[in-house]
C-alpha atoms as a PDB file:
ATOM      1  CA  MET A   1      22.496  31.625   6.058  1.00  0.00           C
ATOM      2  CA  LEU A   2      26.117  32.634   5.546  1.00  0.00           C
ATOM      3  CA  PRO A   3      28.938  31.137   7.687  1.00  0.00           C
ATOM      4  CA  ARG A   4      30.649  33.472  10.149  1.00  0.00           C
ATOM      5  CA  ALA A   5      34.128  34.689   9.279  1.00  0.00           C
ATOM      6  CA  ALA A   6      37.073  33.843  11.530  1.00  0.00           C
ATOM      7  CA  LYS A   7      38.760  36.713  13.336  1.00  0.00           C
ATOM      8  CA  THR A   8      42.173  36.117  11.759  1.00  0.00           C
ATOM      9  CA  ASN A   9      42.587  37.186   8.142  1.00  0.00           C
ATOM     10  CA  SER A  10      38.851  37.879   8.241  1.00  0.00           C
ATOM     11  CA  TYR A  11      38.735  39.837   4.970  1.00  0.00           C
ATOM     12  CA  GLN A  12      40.180  36.753   3.240  1.00  0.00           C
ATOM     13  CA  GLN A  13      37.566  34.682   5.017  1.00  0.00           C
ATOM     14  CA  VAL A  14      34.872  37.051   3.743  1.00  0.00           C
ATOM     15  CA  ALA A  15      36.111  36.631   0.166  1.00  0.00           C
ATOM     16  CA  SER A  16      36.406  32.849   0.557  1.00  0.00           C
ATOM     17  CA  ILE A  17      32.933  32.461   2.053  1.00  0.00           C
ATOM     18  CA  LEU A  18      31.248  34.548  -0.619  1.00  0.00           C
ATOM     19  CA  GLU A  19      33.254  32.887  -3.393  1.00  0.00           C
ATOM     20  CA  ALA A  20      32.121  29.483  -2.136  1.00  0.00           C
ATOM     21  CA  GLU A  21      28.509  30.670  -2.127  1.00  0.00           C
ATOM     22  CA  ILE A  22      28.836  31.896  -5.720  1.00  0.00           C
ATOM     23  CA  VAL A  23      30.687  28.841  -7.044  1.00  0.00           C
ATOM     24  CA  GLY A  24      28.255  26.573  -5.207  1.00  0.00           C
ATOM     25  CA  GLY A  25      25.323  28.294  -6.887  1.00  0.00           C
ATOM     26  CA  ARG A  26      23.734  29.503  -3.649  1.00  0.00           C
ATOM     27  CA  LEU A  27      24.368  33.054  -4.806  1.00  0.00           C
ATOM     28  CA  LYS A  28      23.207  33.156  -8.414  1.00  0.00           C
ATOM     29  CA  ILE A  29      24.688  35.029 -11.375  1.00  0.00           C
ATOM     30  CA  GLY A  30      22.829  38.322 -11.657  1.00  0.00           C
ATOM     31  CA  GLU A  31      21.711  38.314  -8.010  1.00  0.00           C
ATOM     32  CA  LEU A  32      22.332  41.445  -5.932  1.00  0.00           C
ATOM     33  CA  LEU A  33      24.283  40.995  -2.709  1.00  0.00           C
ATOM     34  CA  PRO A  34      22.668  42.312   0.474  1.00  0.00           C
ATOM     35  CA  ILE A  35      23.572  45.866   1.456  1.00  0.00           C
ATOM     36  CA  GLU A  36      26.864  46.261   3.329  1.00  0.00           C
ATOM     37  CA  ALA A  37      25.329  46.571   6.792  1.00  0.00           C
ATOM     38  CA  GLU A  38      23.320  43.366   6.383  1.00  0.00           C
ATOM     39  CA  LEU A  39      26.220  41.472   4.845  1.00  0.00           C
ATOM     40  CA  ALA A  40      28.668  42.565   7.557  1.00  0.00           C
ATOM     41  CA  GLU A  41      26.235  41.481  10.275  1.00  0.00           C
ATOM     42  CA  ALA A  42      25.574  38.120   8.605  1.00  0.00           C
ATOM     43  CA  LEU A  43      29.305  37.404   8.332  1.00  0.00           C
ATOM     44  CA  GLY A  44      30.182  38.754  11.770  1.00  0.00           C
ATOM     45  CA  VAL A  45      32.725  41.326  10.560  1.00  0.00           C
ATOM     46  CA  ASN A  46      32.980  45.097  10.549  1.00  0.00           C
ATOM     47  CA  ARG A  47      32.245  47.032   7.378  1.00  0.00           C
ATOM     48  CA  SER A  48      35.875  47.910   6.617  1.00  0.00           C
ATOM     49  CA  THR A  49      36.793  44.213   6.695  1.00  0.00           C
ATOM     50  CA  LEU A  50      33.776  43.424   4.551  1.00  0.00           C
ATOM     51  CA  ARG A  51      34.797  46.022   1.969  1.00  0.00           C
ATOM     52  CA  GLU A  52      38.292  44.547   1.707  1.00  0.00           C
ATOM     53  CA  GLY A  53      36.798  41.127   1.079  1.00  0.00           C
ATOM     54  CA  LEU A  54      34.404  42.514  -1.515  1.00  0.00           C
ATOM     55  CA  ARG A  55      37.259  44.283  -3.291  1.00  0.00           C
ATOM     56  CA  ALA A  56      39.026  40.928  -3.564  1.00  0.00           C
ATOM     57  CA  LEU A  57      35.907  39.404  -5.115  1.00  0.00           C
ATOM     58  CA  GLU A  58      35.652  42.341  -7.513  1.00  0.00           C
ATOM     59  CA  GLY A  59      39.277  41.868  -8.484  1.00  0.00           C
ATOM     60  CA  ASN A  60      38.532  38.237  -9.342  1.00  0.00           C
ATOM     61  CA  GLY A  61      35.557  39.226 -11.474  1.00  0.00           C
ATOM     62  CA  LEU A  62      32.969  37.498  -9.262  1.00  0.00           C
ATOM     63  CA  VAL A  63      30.991  40.647  -8.426  1.00  0.00           C
ATOM     64  CA  ARG A  64      30.555  44.040 -10.065  1.00  0.00           C
ATOM     65  CA  ARG A  65      29.130  47.369  -8.971  1.00  0.00           C
ATOM     66  CA  VAL A  66      25.768  48.326 -10.390  1.00  0.00           C
ATOM     67  CA  ALA A  67      23.187  51.041  -9.678  1.00  0.00           C
ATOM     68  CA  ALA A  68      22.934  52.495  -6.178  1.00  0.00           C
ATOM     69  CA  LYS A  69      26.389  51.101  -5.329  1.00  0.00           C
ATOM     70  CA  ARG A  70      25.033  47.592  -5.021  1.00  0.00           C
ATOM     71  CA  LEU A  71      27.162  44.598  -5.903  1.00  0.00           C
ATOM     72  CA  GLN A  72      25.903  42.016  -8.367  1.00  0.00           C
ATOM     73  CA  VAL A  73      27.142  38.454  -8.714  1.00  0.00           C
ATOM     74  CA  THR A  74      28.755  37.882 -12.103  1.00  0.00           C
ATOM     75  CA  ALA A  75      30.787  35.255 -13.936  1.00  0.00           C
ATOM     76  CA  PRO A  76      34.368  36.280 -14.730  1.00  0.00           C
ATOM     77  CA  ASP A  77      34.777  37.641 -18.245  1.00  0.00           C
ATOM     78  CA  PRO A  78      36.168  34.879 -20.525  1.00  0.00           C
ATOM     79  CA  GLU A  79      38.796  37.212 -22.017  1.00  0.00           C
ATOM     80  CA  ARG A  80      39.985  38.130 -18.548  1.00  0.00           C
ATOM     81  CA  VAL A  81      40.180  34.462 -17.560  1.00  0.00           C
ATOM     82  CA  ALA A  82      42.106  33.671 -20.743  1.00  0.00           C
ATOM     83  CA  LEU A  83      44.588  36.459 -20.098  1.00  0.00           C
ATOM     84  CA  THR A  84      45.112  35.375 -16.488  1.00  0.00           C
ATOM     85  CA  ASN A  85      45.688  31.769 -17.544  1.00  0.00           C
ATOM     86  CA  ALA A  86      47.982  32.845 -20.381  1.00  0.00           C
ATOM     87  CA  ARG A  87      50.079  34.794 -17.885  1.00  0.00           C
ATOM     88  CA  ALA A  88      50.232  31.709 -15.655  1.00  0.00           C
ATOM     89  CA  LEU A  89      51.395  29.571 -18.572  1.00  0.00           C
ATOM     90  CA  GLY A  90      54.008  32.174 -19.445  1.00  0.00           C
ATOM     91  CA  LEU A  91      55.277  32.324 -15.873  1.00  0.00           C
ATOM     92  CA  ARG A  92      55.625  28.547 -15.874  1.00  0.00           C
ATOM     93  CA  GLY A  93      57.842  28.785 -18.941  1.00  0.00           C
ATOM     94  CA  ALA A  94      55.461  27.130 -21.394  1.00  0.00           C
ATOM     95  CA  SER A  95      57.156  26.622 -24.751  1.00  0.00           C
ATOM     96  CA  PHE A  96      55.807  26.622 -28.278  1.00  0.00           C
ATOM     97  CA  ARG A  97      56.081  22.824 -28.319  1.00  0.00           C
ATOM     98  CA  ASP A  98      54.134  22.508 -25.042  1.00  0.00           C
ATOM     99  CA  LEU A  99      51.276  24.616 -26.312  1.00  0.00           C
ATOM    100  CA  TRP A 100      51.286  23.310 -29.866  1.00  0.00           C
ATOM    101  CA  ASP A 101      51.010  19.704 -28.656  1.00  0.00           C
ATOM    102  CA  VAL A 102      47.780  20.548 -26.836  1.00  0.00           C
ATOM    103  CA  GLN A 103      46.483  22.882 -29.525  1.00  0.00           C
ATOM    104  CA  MET A 104      46.907  20.165 -32.146  1.00  0.00           C
ATOM    105  CA  GLN A 105      44.541  17.983 -30.117  1.00  0.00           C
ATOM    106  CA  LEU A 106      41.926  20.580 -29.229  1.00  0.00           C
ATOM    107  CA  GLU A 107      41.568  22.949 -32.165  1.00  0.00           C
ATOM    108  CA  HIS A 108      40.335  20.365 -34.680  1.00  0.00           C
ATOM    109  CA  PHE A 109      37.810  19.166 -32.084  1.00  0.00           C
ATOM    110  CA  ALA A 110      36.600  22.740 -31.612  1.00  0.00           C
ATOM    111  CA  ALA A 111      36.238  23.190 -35.381  1.00  0.00           C
ATOM    112  CA  ALA A 112      34.201  19.983 -35.689  1.00  0.00           C
ATOM    113  CA  LEU A 113      31.892  21.030 -32.848  1.00  0.00           C
ATOM    114  CA  ALA A 114      31.514  24.485 -34.387  1.00  0.00           C
ATOM    115  CA  ALA A 115      30.417  22.905 -37.673  1.00  0.00           C
ATOM    116  CA  GLU A 116      27.741  20.982 -35.781  1.00  0.00           C
ATOM    117  CA  ARG A 117      26.624  23.711 -33.390  1.00  0.00           C
ATOM    118  CA  ALA A 118      27.337  27.159 -34.822  1.00  0.00           C
ATOM    119  CA  SER A 119      24.368  29.422 -35.398  1.00  0.00           C
ATOM    120  CA  ASP A 120      23.888  30.993 -38.814  1.00  0.00           C
ATOM    121  CA  ASP A 121      25.089  34.296 -37.341  1.00  0.00           C
ATOM    122  CA  GLN A 122      28.255  32.669 -35.972  1.00  0.00           C
ATOM    123  CA  ALA A 123      29.004  31.006 -39.299  1.00  0.00           C
ATOM    124  CA  ALA A 124      28.496  34.358 -41.018  1.00  0.00           C
ATOM    125  CA  ALA A 125      30.831  36.024 -38.494  1.00  0.00           C
ATOM    126  CA  LEU A 126      33.577  33.534 -39.336  1.00  0.00           C
ATOM    127  CA  ARG A 127      33.237  34.243 -43.040  1.00  0.00           C
ATOM    128  CA  ALA A 128      33.178  37.983 -42.357  1.00  0.00           C
ATOM    129  CA  SER A 129      36.403  37.616 -40.351  1.00  0.00           C
ATOM    130  CA  VAL A 130      38.064  35.976 -43.359  1.00  0.00           C
ATOM    131  CA  GLU A 131      36.916  38.698 -45.732  1.00  0.00           C
ATOM    132  CA  ALA A 132      38.092  41.414 -43.329  1.00  0.00           C
ATOM    133  CA  LEU A 133      41.532  39.794 -43.128  1.00  0.00           C
ATOM    134  CA  ALA A 134      42.175  39.653 -46.890  1.00  0.00           C
ATOM    135  CA  PRO A 135      42.700  43.432 -47.453  1.00  0.00           C
ATOM    136  CA  VAL A 136      45.105  43.808 -44.494  1.00  0.00           C
ATOM    137  CA  LEU A 137      47.221  40.735 -45.124  1.00  0.00           C
ATOM    138  CA  ASP A 138      50.433  42.772 -45.322  1.00  0.00           C
ATOM    139  CA  ASP A 139      49.874  44.247 -41.842  1.00  0.00           C
ATOM    140  CA  ASP A 140      51.383  41.804 -39.341  1.00  0.00           C
ATOM    141  CA  GLU A 141      49.579  43.301 -36.359  1.00  0.00           C
ATOM    142  CA  ALA A 142      46.235  43.069 -38.165  1.00  0.00           C
ATOM    143  CA  VAL A 143      46.911  39.460 -39.154  1.00  0.00           C
ATOM    144  CA  ILE A 144      47.617  38.538 -35.537  1.00  0.00           C
ATOM    145  CA  ARG A 145      44.462  40.282 -34.289  1.00  0.00           C
ATOM    146  CA  HIS A 146      42.328  38.536 -36.907  1.00  0.00           C
ATOM    147  CA  ASP A 147      43.946  35.177 -36.154  1.00  0.00           C
ATOM    148  CA  ILE A 148      43.201  35.448 -32.429  1.00  0.00           C
ATOM    149  CA  ALA A 149      39.650  36.624 -33.131  1.00  0.00           C
ATOM    150  CA  PHE A 150      38.999  33.856 -35.677  1.00  0.00           C
ATOM    151  CA  HIS A 151      39.998  31.087 -33.286  1.00  0.00           C
ATOM    152  CA  ALA A 152      38.034  32.731 -30.476  1.00  0.00           C
ATOM    153  CA  LEU A 153      34.938  32.753 -32.716  1.00  0.00           C
ATOM    154  CA  ILE A 154      35.374  29.039 -33.350  1.00  0.00           C
ATOM    155  CA  GLY A 155      35.816  28.343 -29.636  1.00  0.00           C
ATOM    156  CA  HIS A 156      32.593  30.211 -28.896  1.00  0.00           C
ATOM    157  CA  ALA A 157      30.696  28.589 -31.767  1.00  0.00           C
ATOM    158  CA  ALA A 158      31.679  25.152 -30.437  1.00  0.00           C
ATOM    159  CA  ALA A 159      29.283  25.878 -27.549  1.00  0.00           C
ATOM    160  CA  ASN A 160      31.439  24.098 -24.986  1.00  0.00           C
ATOM    161  CA  SER A 161      32.527  26.321 -22.109  1.00  0.00           C
ATOM    162  CA  ALA A 162      35.263  23.964 -20.908  1.00  0.00           C
ATOM    163  CA  LEU A 163      36.796  23.755 -24.378  1.00  0.00           C
ATOM    164  CA  GLU A 164      36.583  27.512 -24.895  1.00  0.00           C
ATOM    165  CA  LEU A 165      38.323  28.245 -21.603  1.00  0.00           C
ATOM    166  CA  ALA A 166      41.006  25.636 -22.335  1.00  0.00           C
ATOM    167  CA  THR A 167      41.901  26.869 -25.821  1.00  0.00           C
ATOM    168  CA  ALA A 168      41.704  30.639 -25.325  1.00  0.00           C
ATOM    169  CA  PRO A 169      44.801  31.162 -23.098  1.00  0.00           C
ATOM    170  CA  MET A 170      46.963  28.919 -25.283  1.00  0.00           C
ATOM    171  CA  GLY A 171      45.870  30.856 -28.325  1.00  0.00           C
ATOM    172  CA  LEU A 172      46.757  34.182 -26.738  1.00  0.00           C
ATOM    173  CA  LEU A 173      50.209  32.956 -25.783  1.00  0.00           C
ATOM    174  CA  LEU A 174      50.951  31.171 -29.049  1.00  0.00           C
ATOM    175  CA  PHE A 175      49.698  33.870 -31.335  1.00  0.00           C
ATOM    176  CA  SER A 176      51.528  36.557 -29.390  1.00  0.00           C
ATOM    177  CA  ALA A 177      54.692  34.991 -30.840  1.00  0.00           C
ATOM    178  CA  THR A 178      53.537  35.159 -34.466  1.00  0.00           C
ATOM    179  CA  ARG A 179      54.595  38.765 -34.989  1.00  0.00           C
ATOM    180  CA  ASP A 180      58.120  37.510 -35.610  1.00  0.00           C
ATOM    181  CA  LEU A 181      56.891  34.528 -37.634  1.00  0.00           C
ATOM    182  CA  TYR A 182      55.253  36.617 -40.356  1.00  0.00           C
ATOM    183  CA  ARG A 183      58.327  38.769 -40.724  1.00  0.00           C
ATOM    184  CA  ALA A 184      60.539  35.710 -41.099  1.00  0.00           C
ATOM    185  CA  VAL A 185      58.163  33.689 -43.320  1.00  0.00           C
ATOM    186  CA  PRO A 186      55.938  36.148 -45.255  1.00  0.00           C
ATOM    187  CA  ALA A 187      54.170  33.363 -47.148  1.00  0.00           C
ATOM    188  CA  ALA A 188      52.740  32.104 -43.844  1.00  0.00           C
ATOM    189  CA  ARG A 189      50.150  34.871 -43.801  1.00  0.00           C
ATOM    190  CA  HIS A 190      48.777  33.774 -47.195  1.00  0.00           C
ATOM    191  CA  ARG A 191      48.557  30.149 -46.065  1.00  0.00           C
ATOM    192  CA  LEU A 192      46.760  31.352 -42.950  1.00  0.00           C
ATOM    193  CA  LEU A 193      44.168  33.199 -45.037  1.00  0.00           C
ATOM    194  CA  ASP A 194      43.571  30.155 -47.240  1.00  0.00           C
ATOM    195  CA  ALA A 195      43.158  27.907 -44.182  1.00  0.00           C
ATOM    196  CA  HIS A 196      40.795  30.317 -42.440  1.00  0.00           C
ATOM    197  CA  ARG A 197      38.654  30.530 -45.579  1.00  0.00           C
ATOM    198  CA  ALA A 198      38.476  26.732 -45.923  1.00  0.00           C
ATOM    199  CA  ILE A 199      37.649  26.271 -42.228  1.00  0.00           C
ATOM    200  CA  ALA A 200      34.948  28.959 -42.302  1.00  0.00           C
ATOM    201  CA  ASP A 201      33.421  27.462 -45.444  1.00  0.00           C
ATOM    202  CA  ALA A 202      33.373  23.977 -43.911  1.00  0.00           C
ATOM    203  CA  ILE A 203      31.733  25.246 -40.730  1.00  0.00           C
ATOM    204  CA  ALA A 204      29.122  27.170 -42.733  1.00  0.00           C
ATOM    205  CA  ALA A 205      28.445  23.998 -44.760  1.00  0.00           C
ATOM    206  CA  ARG A 206      28.058  21.980 -41.501  1.00  0.00           C
ATOM    207  CA  ASP A 207      30.923  19.770 -42.636  1.00  0.00           C
ATOM    208  CA  ALA A 208      32.434  18.669 -39.325  1.00  0.00           C
ATOM    209  CA  ALA A 209      34.990  16.311 -40.870  1.00  0.00           C
ATOM    210  CA  GLY A 210      36.130  18.933 -43.363  1.00  0.00           C
ATOM    211  CA  ALA A 211      36.417  21.635 -40.697  1.00  0.00           C
ATOM    212  CA  ALA A 212      38.435  19.328 -38.446  1.00  0.00           C
ATOM    213  CA  GLU A 213      40.775  18.269 -41.268  1.00  0.00           C
ATOM    214  CA  TRP A 214      41.431  21.826 -42.407  1.00  0.00           C
ATOM    215  CA  MET A 215      42.076  22.868 -38.823  1.00  0.00           C
ATOM    216  CA  ARG A 216      44.595  20.022 -38.432  1.00  0.00           C
ATOM    217  CA  ARG A 217      46.390  21.230 -41.551  1.00  0.00           C
ATOM    218  CA  HIS A 218      46.281  24.811 -40.321  1.00  0.00           C
ATOM    219  CA  ILE A 219      47.805  23.996 -36.917  1.00  0.00           C
ATOM    220  CA  ALA A 220      50.400  21.681 -38.479  1.00  0.00           C
ATOM    221  CA  ASP A 221      51.347  24.440 -40.910  1.00  0.00           C
ATOM    222  CA  PHE A 222      51.719  26.826 -37.980  1.00  0.00           C
ATOM    223  CA  ARG A 223      54.485  24.630 -36.583  1.00  0.00           C
ATOM    224  CA  ARG A 224      56.149  24.206 -39.977  1.00  0.00           C
ATOM    225  CA  GLY A 225      56.317  27.980 -40.347  1.00  0.00           C
ATOM    226  CA  TYR A 226      57.894  28.253 -36.904  1.00  0.00           C
ATOM    227  CA  GLU A 227      60.518  25.681 -37.835  1.00  0.00           C
ATOM    228  CA  VAL A 228      61.239  27.283 -41.225  1.00  0.00           C
ATOM    229  CA  ALA A 229      61.766  30.603 -39.431  1.00  0.00           C
ATOM    230  CA  GLY A 230      64.433  28.911 -37.297  1.00  0.00           C
ATOM    231  CA  PHE A 231      62.703  29.602 -33.984  1.00  0.00           C
ATOM    232  CA  ASP A 232      63.381  27.434 -30.936  1.00  0.00           C
ATOM    233  CA  LEU A 233      60.312  25.270 -30.308  1.00  0.00           C
ATOM    234  CA  ASP A 234      61.409  24.667 -26.704  1.00  0.00           C
ATOM    235  CA  ALA A 235      62.028  28.294 -25.719  1.00  0.00           C
ATOM    236  CA  ALA A 236      59.510  29.844 -23.326  1.00  0.00           C
ATOM    237  CA  ILE A 237      56.994  32.115 -25.062  1.00  0.00           C
ATOM    238  CA  GLU A 238      56.560  35.640 -23.776  1.00  0.00           C
ATOM    239  CA  LEU A 239      52.981  36.946 -23.665  1.00  0.00           C
ATOM    240  CA  ARG A 240      52.694  40.149 -25.677  1.00  0.00           C
ATOM    241  CA  ARG A 241      49.679  42.402 -25.281  1.00  0.00           C
ATOM    242  CA  ALA A 242      50.328  44.918 -28.057  1.00  0.00           C
ATOM    243  CA  VAL A 243      48.152  43.149 -30.604  1.00  0.00           C
END
């Protein structure tokens, strides 16, 4: 049975109550919510208040509309979560150094896990990403897109939801700054391709130590390129979406 909503700020109470039910697992992913009339009665609110609360849940990606205007419980899309967290990091003035410090610790761990856990299809996808990058290496925008996608594939192949959610927003924010890097240090794109190929090969070969070591080199080289370009490691990074 659902708790009753308070009279003050009741639409926020509606959203909070239902969010707690979802996060607590009492409302399951994929489950349909009761129809509006039943839900409003259970919560002790009118239907307009209920709809406001449901819109808030929709905005947070916890429910979605399906057939017959019913709402279904859903987990927030990982890309949406990553973008939201990347914005938060940007608003807090996160610098290249801040993000790189953490990335240097997490990315090699993700690569090692991916070597141990990736499916054959995931390993093949990593190799395909490398081969798709090679012909467009002179296109900075394409390089950035492939770089983000490659690291996202590794995060997913690591089969660790906490790690994937931790690395994704930092990657979006860091790699959004690389447009200027490749213009300033053109050789960086070729080193990136070589590193991606070595990492993908190690993961496909189930070589966790090799994948981790190549990822360490790759992330270290990322910082070296930034320094060679003369960029300020302590300046806040602006999130750019046009990639």
